[in-house]
N, C-alpha and C. Protein backbone atom coordinates (compact mmCIF):
# COMPACT_ATOMS: atom_id res chain seq x y z
N UNK A 1 0.78 -1.28 -0.12
CA UNK A 1 -0.20 -0.03 0.01
C UNK A 1 0.64 1.34 0.11
N UNK A 2 2.15 1.12 0.33
CA UNK A 2 2.92 2.23 0.23
C UNK A 2 3.45 2.84 1.71
N UNK A 3 4.08 3.70 1.84
CA UNK A 3 4.56 4.51 3.12
C UNK A 3 3.72 5.07 3.71
N UNK A 4 2.86 5.77 2.66
CA UNK A 4 1.58 6.67 3.55
C UNK A 4 0.60 5.96 4.05
N UNK A 5 0.64 4.70 4.17
CA UNK A 5 -0.36 3.81 4.96
C UNK A 5 0.10 3.10 6.07
N UNK A 6 -0.74 2.71 6.78
CA UNK A 6 -0.61 2.05 8.18
C UNK A 6 -0.20 0.55 8.29
N UNK A 7 -0.51 -0.05 7.11
CA UNK A 7 -0.50 -1.62 7.07
C UNK A 7 0.98 -1.93 6.80
N UNK A 8 1.53 -3.08 7.68
CA UNK A 8 2.88 -3.45 7.71
C UNK A 8 2.87 -4.85 7.33
N UNK A 9 3.56 -5.35 6.22
CA UNK A 9 3.57 -6.75 6.00
C UNK A 9 5.22 -6.95 5.82
N UNK A 10 5.76 -7.57 6.95
CA UNK A 10 7.30 -8.07 7.05
C UNK A 10 7.47 -9.19 7.62
N UNK A 11 8.20 -9.98 6.85
CA UNK A 11 8.52 -11.26 7.14
C UNK A 11 9.29 -11.51 8.54
N UNK A 12 9.79 -10.39 8.95
CA UNK A 12 10.26 -10.32 10.34
C UNK A 12 9.50 -9.78 11.50
N UNK A 13 8.29 -9.62 11.09
CA UNK A 13 7.32 -8.73 12.06
C UNK A 13 6.03 -9.69 12.17
N UNK A 14 5.69 -10.48 13.18
CA UNK A 14 4.48 -11.27 13.33
C UNK A 14 4.32 -12.38 12.38
N UNK A 15 5.62 -12.76 11.96
CA UNK A 15 5.76 -14.05 11.00
C UNK A 15 5.15 -13.69 9.71
N UNK A 16 5.26 -12.15 9.24
CA UNK A 16 4.68 -11.88 8.02
C UNK A 16 3.30 -11.61 7.70
N UNK A 17 2.34 -11.65 8.92
CA UNK A 17 1.11 -11.43 8.91
C UNK A 17 1.01 -9.78 8.75
N UNK A 18 0.11 -9.42 8.13
CA UNK A 18 -0.08 -7.80 8.15
C UNK A 18 -0.88 -7.39 9.45
N UNK A 19 -0.11 -6.34 9.84
CA UNK A 19 -0.38 -5.66 11.17
C UNK A 19 -0.49 -4.01 10.81
N UNK A 20 -1.06 -3.55 11.74
CA UNK A 20 -1.16 -2.19 11.84
C UNK A 20 0.21 -1.64 12.39
N UNK A 21 0.90 -0.64 11.72
CA UNK A 21 2.30 -0.24 11.95
C UNK A 21 2.28 0.51 13.11
N UNK A 22 3.34 0.07 14.09
CA UNK A 22 3.63 0.31 15.31
C UNK A 22 2.82 -0.43 16.43
N UNK A 23 2.16 -1.31 15.98
CA UNK A 23 1.07 -2.23 16.92
C UNK A 23 1.53 -3.80 16.65
N UNK A 24 1.12 -4.46 17.33
CA UNK A 24 1.12 -5.95 17.14
C UNK A 24 -0.42 -6.45 16.68
N UNK A 25 -1.25 -5.40 16.48
CA UNK A 25 -2.65 -5.66 16.06
C UNK A 25 -2.74 -6.01 14.47
N UNK A 26 -3.19 -7.53 14.35
CA UNK A 26 -3.36 -7.85 13.11
C UNK A 26 -4.37 -7.32 12.20
N UNK A 27 -4.24 -7.11 10.71
CA UNK A 27 -5.34 -6.67 10.15
C UNK A 27 -6.82 -7.65 10.10
N UNK A 28 -6.38 -8.82 10.36
CA UNK A 28 -7.55 -9.75 10.43
C UNK A 28 -8.29 -9.49 11.59
N UNK A 29 -7.76 -9.21 12.82
CA UNK A 29 -8.48 -8.97 14.02
C UNK A 29 -9.45 -7.71 13.83
N UNK A 30 -8.83 -6.62 13.20
CA UNK A 30 -9.53 -5.40 13.11
C UNK A 30 -10.58 -5.41 11.87
N UNK A 31 -10.50 -6.41 11.04
CA UNK A 31 -11.47 -6.71 9.81
C UNK A 31 -12.47 -7.45 10.45
N UNK A 32 -12.13 -8.39 11.15
CA UNK A 32 -13.29 -9.47 11.85
C UNK A 32 -14.28 -8.48 12.55
N UNK A 33 -13.67 -7.57 13.21
CA UNK A 33 -14.76 -6.77 13.93
C UNK A 33 -15.61 -6.01 13.12
N UNK A 34 -14.97 -5.25 12.08
CA UNK A 34 -15.68 -4.57 11.33
C UNK A 34 -16.94 -5.36 10.70
N UNK A 35 -16.31 -6.47 10.11
CA UNK A 35 -17.08 -7.53 9.45
C UNK A 35 -18.33 -7.96 10.21
N UNK A 36 -18.11 -8.00 11.69
CA UNK A 36 -19.15 -8.14 12.66
C UNK A 36 -20.19 -7.31 12.88
N UNK A 37 -19.84 -5.98 12.32
CA UNK A 37 -20.95 -4.99 12.43
C UNK A 37 -20.36 -3.74 13.38
N UNK A 38 -19.26 -3.82 13.93
CA UNK A 38 -19.04 -2.79 14.79
C UNK A 38 -18.42 -1.57 14.06
N UNK A 39 -18.74 -0.36 14.54
CA UNK A 39 -18.32 0.88 13.77
C UNK A 39 -16.96 0.92 13.65
N UNK A 40 -16.34 1.84 12.71
CA UNK A 40 -14.91 1.94 12.54
C UNK A 40 -14.40 2.79 13.95
N UNK A 41 -15.45 3.75 13.98
CA UNK A 41 -14.84 4.66 15.29
C UNK A 41 -14.78 3.77 16.68
N UNK A 42 -15.75 2.89 16.78
CA UNK A 42 -15.72 1.94 17.90
C UNK A 42 -14.30 1.01 18.05
N UNK A 43 -14.19 0.50 16.96
CA UNK A 43 -12.76 -0.30 16.75
C UNK A 43 -11.75 0.59 16.96
N UNK A 44 -11.70 1.61 16.46
CA UNK A 44 -10.52 2.54 16.71
C UNK A 44 -10.19 2.88 18.05
N UNK A 45 -11.41 2.96 18.66
CA UNK A 45 -11.38 3.56 20.18
C UNK A 45 -10.75 2.35 21.12
N UNK A 46 -11.31 1.06 20.80
CA UNK A 46 -10.78 0.15 21.67
C UNK A 46 -9.44 -0.41 21.42
N UNK A 47 -8.92 -0.37 20.23
CA UNK A 47 -7.73 -0.67 20.01
C UNK A 47 -6.53 0.54 19.97
N UNK A 48 -7.25 1.75 20.61
CA UNK A 48 -6.27 3.07 20.45
C UNK A 48 -5.38 3.29 19.29
N UNK A 49 -6.36 3.27 18.31
CA UNK A 49 -5.83 3.62 16.79
C UNK A 49 -6.54 4.92 16.27
N UNK A 50 -5.86 5.36 15.28
CA UNK A 50 -6.77 6.45 14.66
C UNK A 50 -7.60 5.88 13.63
N UNK A 51 -8.54 6.71 13.05
CA UNK A 51 -9.45 6.34 12.14
C UNK A 51 -8.75 5.87 10.93
N UNK A 52 -7.78 6.41 10.68
CA UNK A 52 -7.06 6.26 9.23
C UNK A 52 -6.48 4.68 9.19
N UNK A 53 -6.01 4.60 10.26
CA UNK A 53 -5.62 2.96 10.44
C UNK A 53 -6.66 2.00 10.16
N UNK A 54 -7.87 2.32 10.63
CA UNK A 54 -9.00 1.30 10.38
C UNK A 54 -9.39 1.43 8.84
N UNK A 55 -9.25 2.68 8.44
CA UNK A 55 -9.75 2.84 6.98
C UNK A 55 -8.73 1.94 5.98
N UNK A 56 -7.32 2.07 6.48
CA UNK A 56 -6.63 1.42 5.88
C UNK A 56 -6.60 -0.25 5.82
N UNK A 57 -7.18 -0.71 7.08
CA UNK A 57 -7.47 -2.01 7.18
C UNK A 57 -8.55 -2.55 5.87
N UNK A 58 -9.57 -1.46 5.93
CA UNK A 58 -10.73 -2.07 4.83
C UNK A 58 -10.18 -1.86 3.47
N UNK A 59 -9.47 -0.88 3.18
CA UNK A 59 -8.69 -0.74 1.85
C UNK A 59 -7.71 -2.04 1.53
N UNK A 60 -7.10 -2.37 2.66
CA UNK A 60 -6.14 -3.55 2.06
C UNK A 60 -6.73 -4.66 2.08
N UNK A 61 -7.84 -4.89 2.91
CA UNK A 61 -8.83 -6.25 2.67
C UNK A 61 -9.53 -6.07 1.09
N UNK A 62 -10.05 -5.25 1.10
CA UNK A 62 -10.74 -5.01 -0.41
C UNK A 62 -9.68 -5.29 -1.36
N UNK A 63 -8.51 -4.72 -1.51
CA UNK A 63 -7.51 -4.89 -2.54
C UNK A 63 -6.90 -6.20 -2.63
N UNK A 64 -6.82 -7.02 -1.41
CA UNK A 64 -6.40 -8.52 -1.49
C UNK A 64 -7.62 -9.39 -1.59
N UNK A 65 -8.65 -9.02 -1.64
CA UNK A 65 -9.83 -9.87 -1.94
C UNK A 65 -10.14 -10.09 -3.52
N UNK A 66 -9.68 -9.22 -4.02
CA UNK A 66 -9.97 -9.32 -5.60
C UNK A 66 -8.84 -10.30 -6.42
């Protein structure tokens, strides 16, 4: 996604699973909560993330689903 985004995929970090930069929170965890119906604002608040990070999760998952 580039350096302007907050998703990190690094084989030396969390076994290569996509995570939110600066955290150990996996993209899958955030996406699962959003997919279950939680609002982006709620998810951002309980994981102490900014809303841009949650939006990056959605973009990343949509981009990789195709």
